[in-house]
């Protein structure tokens, strides 16, 4: 049943829907991972990393809303439920408990790198079927790469 029907061809819509859903899951999980680390980071660089993590959370939440609304606009129901995120995210599990500032930075570099890699795959996958969604993925990738760079600079 369609509540909203996209003008995209069915095969194109399938490709774009998978890309949007994958991006949604990655972004929701990235916001959760960053917030988990935010609450548990300790060490001499606590304050700067703590604040930097909130910037990632804000970006990921904003982008996840954009992605979910794009999916809805195309007639694809977005799925950001906890079980869906948990079972389909490509980000490694964050360890429980306190996390030293250097380890926190390393975990964020890894998480951002994973999401960026998959986001770039989505940029490529949506080039032909839906340049509008591709543009969203390009913008998200640029923003995440900025965060990635800043976290890498923390451990340089």
Protein backbone atom coordinates (compact mmCIF):
# COMPACT_ATOMS: atom_id res chain seq x y z
CA UNK A 1 0.00 0.00 0.00
CA UNK A 2 1.27 3.44 -0.90
CA UNK A 3 0.27 6.47 1.10
CA UNK A 4 2.71 8.55 -0.94
CA UNK A 5 3.83 7.34 -4.37
CA UNK A 6 7.16 8.44 -5.76
CA UNK A 7 7.51 9.23 -9.45
CA UNK A 8 10.73 7.15 -9.43
CA UNK A 9 10.63 3.83 -11.27
CA UNK A 10 10.20 0.86 -8.93
CA UNK A 11 13.77 -0.43 -9.44
CA UNK A 12 15.20 3.04 -8.82
CA UNK A 13 12.99 3.51 -5.78
CA UNK A 14 14.21 0.21 -4.34
CA UNK A 15 17.85 1.31 -4.68
CA UNK A 16 17.16 4.71 -3.17
CA UNK A 17 15.00 3.29 -0.38
CA UNK A 18 17.77 0.91 0.67
CA UNK A 19 20.30 3.75 0.64
CA UNK A 20 18.06 6.03 2.69
CA UNK A 21 17.22 3.31 5.22
CA UNK A 22 20.87 2.37 5.61
CA UNK A 23 21.83 6.01 6.11
CA UNK A 24 19.06 6.48 8.66
CA UNK A 25 20.25 3.52 10.71
CA UNK A 26 23.88 4.64 10.56
CA UNK A 27 23.02 8.18 11.60
CA UNK A 28 20.75 7.14 14.47
CA UNK A 29 23.42 4.75 15.73
CA UNK A 30 26.16 7.36 15.32
CA UNK A 31 24.18 9.76 17.50
CA UNK A 32 23.73 7.05 20.14
CA UNK A 33 27.38 6.01 20.06
CA UNK A 34 28.55 9.63 20.37
CA UNK A 35 26.16 10.28 23.26
CA UNK A 36 27.24 7.08 25.05
CA UNK A 37 30.88 8.12 24.77
CA UNK A 38 29.93 11.70 25.77
CA UNK A 39 28.50 10.44 29.05
CA UNK A 40 31.48 8.21 29.84
CA UNK A 41 34.60 9.99 28.60
CA UNK A 42 37.27 10.68 31.23
CA UNK A 43 40.76 12.10 31.14
CA UNK A 44 42.67 15.35 30.76
CA UNK A 45 40.89 16.24 27.50
CA UNK A 46 37.45 15.47 28.93
CA UNK A 47 35.85 18.88 28.36
CA UNK A 48 36.91 19.45 24.77
CA UNK A 49 36.00 15.90 23.72
CA UNK A 50 32.75 16.02 25.70
CA UNK A 51 31.69 19.16 23.81
CA UNK A 52 32.91 17.85 20.45
CA UNK A 53 30.80 14.72 20.90
CA UNK A 54 27.68 16.83 21.34
CA UNK A 55 28.43 18.45 17.98
CA UNK A 56 28.44 15.01 16.35
CA UNK A 57 25.19 14.10 18.10
CA UNK A 58 23.51 17.28 16.85
CA UNK A 59 24.75 16.71 13.28
CA UNK A 60 23.72 13.06 13.23
CA UNK A 61 20.25 13.86 14.58
CA UNK A 62 19.70 16.66 12.07
CA UNK A 63 20.87 14.48 9.18
CA UNK A 64 18.81 11.50 10.32
CA UNK A 65 15.69 13.66 10.23
CA UNK A 66 16.56 14.89 6.73
CA UNK A 67 17.09 11.32 5.52
CA UNK A 68 13.89 10.04 7.14
CA UNK A 69 11.85 12.87 5.67
CA UNK A 70 13.36 12.25 2.21
CA UNK A 71 12.32 8.60 2.49
CA UNK A 72 8.80 9.64 3.51
CA UNK A 73 8.61 12.09 0.60
CA UNK A 74 9.36 9.19 -1.73
CA UNK A 75 6.71 6.99 -0.13
CA UNK A 76 9.16 4.84 1.80
CA UNK A 77 8.37 4.47 5.51
CA UNK A 78 11.59 5.13 7.48
CA UNK A 79 12.45 2.68 10.25
CA UNK A 80 14.45 4.11 13.12
CA UNK A 81 13.26 1.67 15.77
CA UNK A 82 15.87 0.51 18.29
CA UNK A 83 15.67 -3.12 17.13
CA UNK A 84 16.20 -2.10 13.51
CA UNK A 85 19.14 0.14 14.37
CA UNK A 86 20.69 -2.52 16.58
CA UNK A 87 20.39 -5.29 14.02
CA UNK A 88 21.45 -3.38 10.90
CA UNK A 89 24.00 -0.76 11.94
CA UNK A 90 27.52 -1.11 10.62
CA UNK A 91 29.12 0.69 13.57
CA UNK A 92 31.04 -1.44 16.05
CA UNK A 93 29.52 -1.81 19.50
CA UNK A 94 30.69 0.78 21.99
CA UNK A 95 32.18 -0.67 25.17
CA UNK A 96 30.29 -0.11 28.42
CA UNK A 97 31.67 2.01 31.23
CA UNK A 98 34.24 4.78 31.42
CA UNK A 99 36.34 5.42 28.36
CA UNK A 100 39.69 7.21 28.41
CA UNK A 101 39.82 10.34 26.30
CA UNK A 102 42.28 8.88 23.77
CA UNK A 103 40.18 5.73 23.41
CA UNK A 104 37.05 7.85 23.02
CA UNK A 105 38.67 9.75 20.18
CA UNK A 106 39.76 6.48 18.54
CA UNK A 107 36.25 5.04 18.85
CA UNK A 108 34.77 8.13 17.20
CA UNK A 109 37.34 8.08 14.39
CA UNK A 110 36.39 4.44 13.73
CA UNK A 111 32.63 5.05 13.95
CA UNK A 112 32.76 8.10 11.70
CA UNK A 113 35.02 6.29 9.24
CA UNK A 114 32.57 3.40 9.00
CA UNK A 115 29.62 5.68 8.38
CA UNK A 116 31.54 7.78 5.85
CA UNK A 117 32.57 4.68 3.89
CA UNK A 118 28.96 3.52 3.61
CA UNK A 119 27.71 7.04 2.90
CA UNK A 120 30.11 7.29 -0.05
CA UNK A 121 28.70 3.98 -1.36
CA UNK A 122 25.25 5.55 -1.16
CA UNK A 123 26.46 8.61 -3.06
CA UNK A 124 27.55 6.30 -5.86
CA UNK A 125 24.41 4.10 -5.73
CA UNK A 126 22.01 7.03 -6.02
CA UNK A 127 23.84 8.98 -8.73
CA UNK A 128 21.62 7.73 -11.55
CA UNK A 129 18.32 6.80 -9.87
CA UNK A 130 17.93 9.91 -7.70
CA UNK A 131 20.34 12.86 -7.76
CA UNK A 132 18.23 14.61 -5.12
CA UNK A 133 18.95 11.88 -2.57
CA UNK A 134 22.52 11.76 -3.80
CA UNK A 135 22.88 15.45 -3.00
CA UNK A 136 21.68 14.79 0.55
CA UNK A 137 24.27 12.01 0.93
CA UNK A 138 27.00 14.29 -0.42
CA UNK A 139 26.14 17.00 2.11
CA UNK A 140 26.03 14.50 4.97
CA UNK A 141 29.35 12.98 3.93
CA UNK A 142 31.03 16.39 3.84
CA UNK A 143 29.79 17.17 7.34
CA UNK A 144 30.84 13.79 8.74
CA UNK A 145 34.26 14.08 7.12
CA UNK A 146 34.75 17.39 8.94
CA UNK A 147 33.99 15.69 12.27
CA UNK A 148 36.27 12.80 11.30
CA UNK A 149 39.12 15.20 10.57
CA UNK A 150 38.64 17.03 13.86
CA UNK A 151 38.69 13.84 15.92
CA UNK A 152 41.78 12.60 14.07
CA UNK A 153 43.49 15.91 14.89
CA UNK A 154 42.83 15.22 18.60
CA UNK A 155 45.18 12.22 18.48
CA UNK A 156 47.79 13.64 16.08
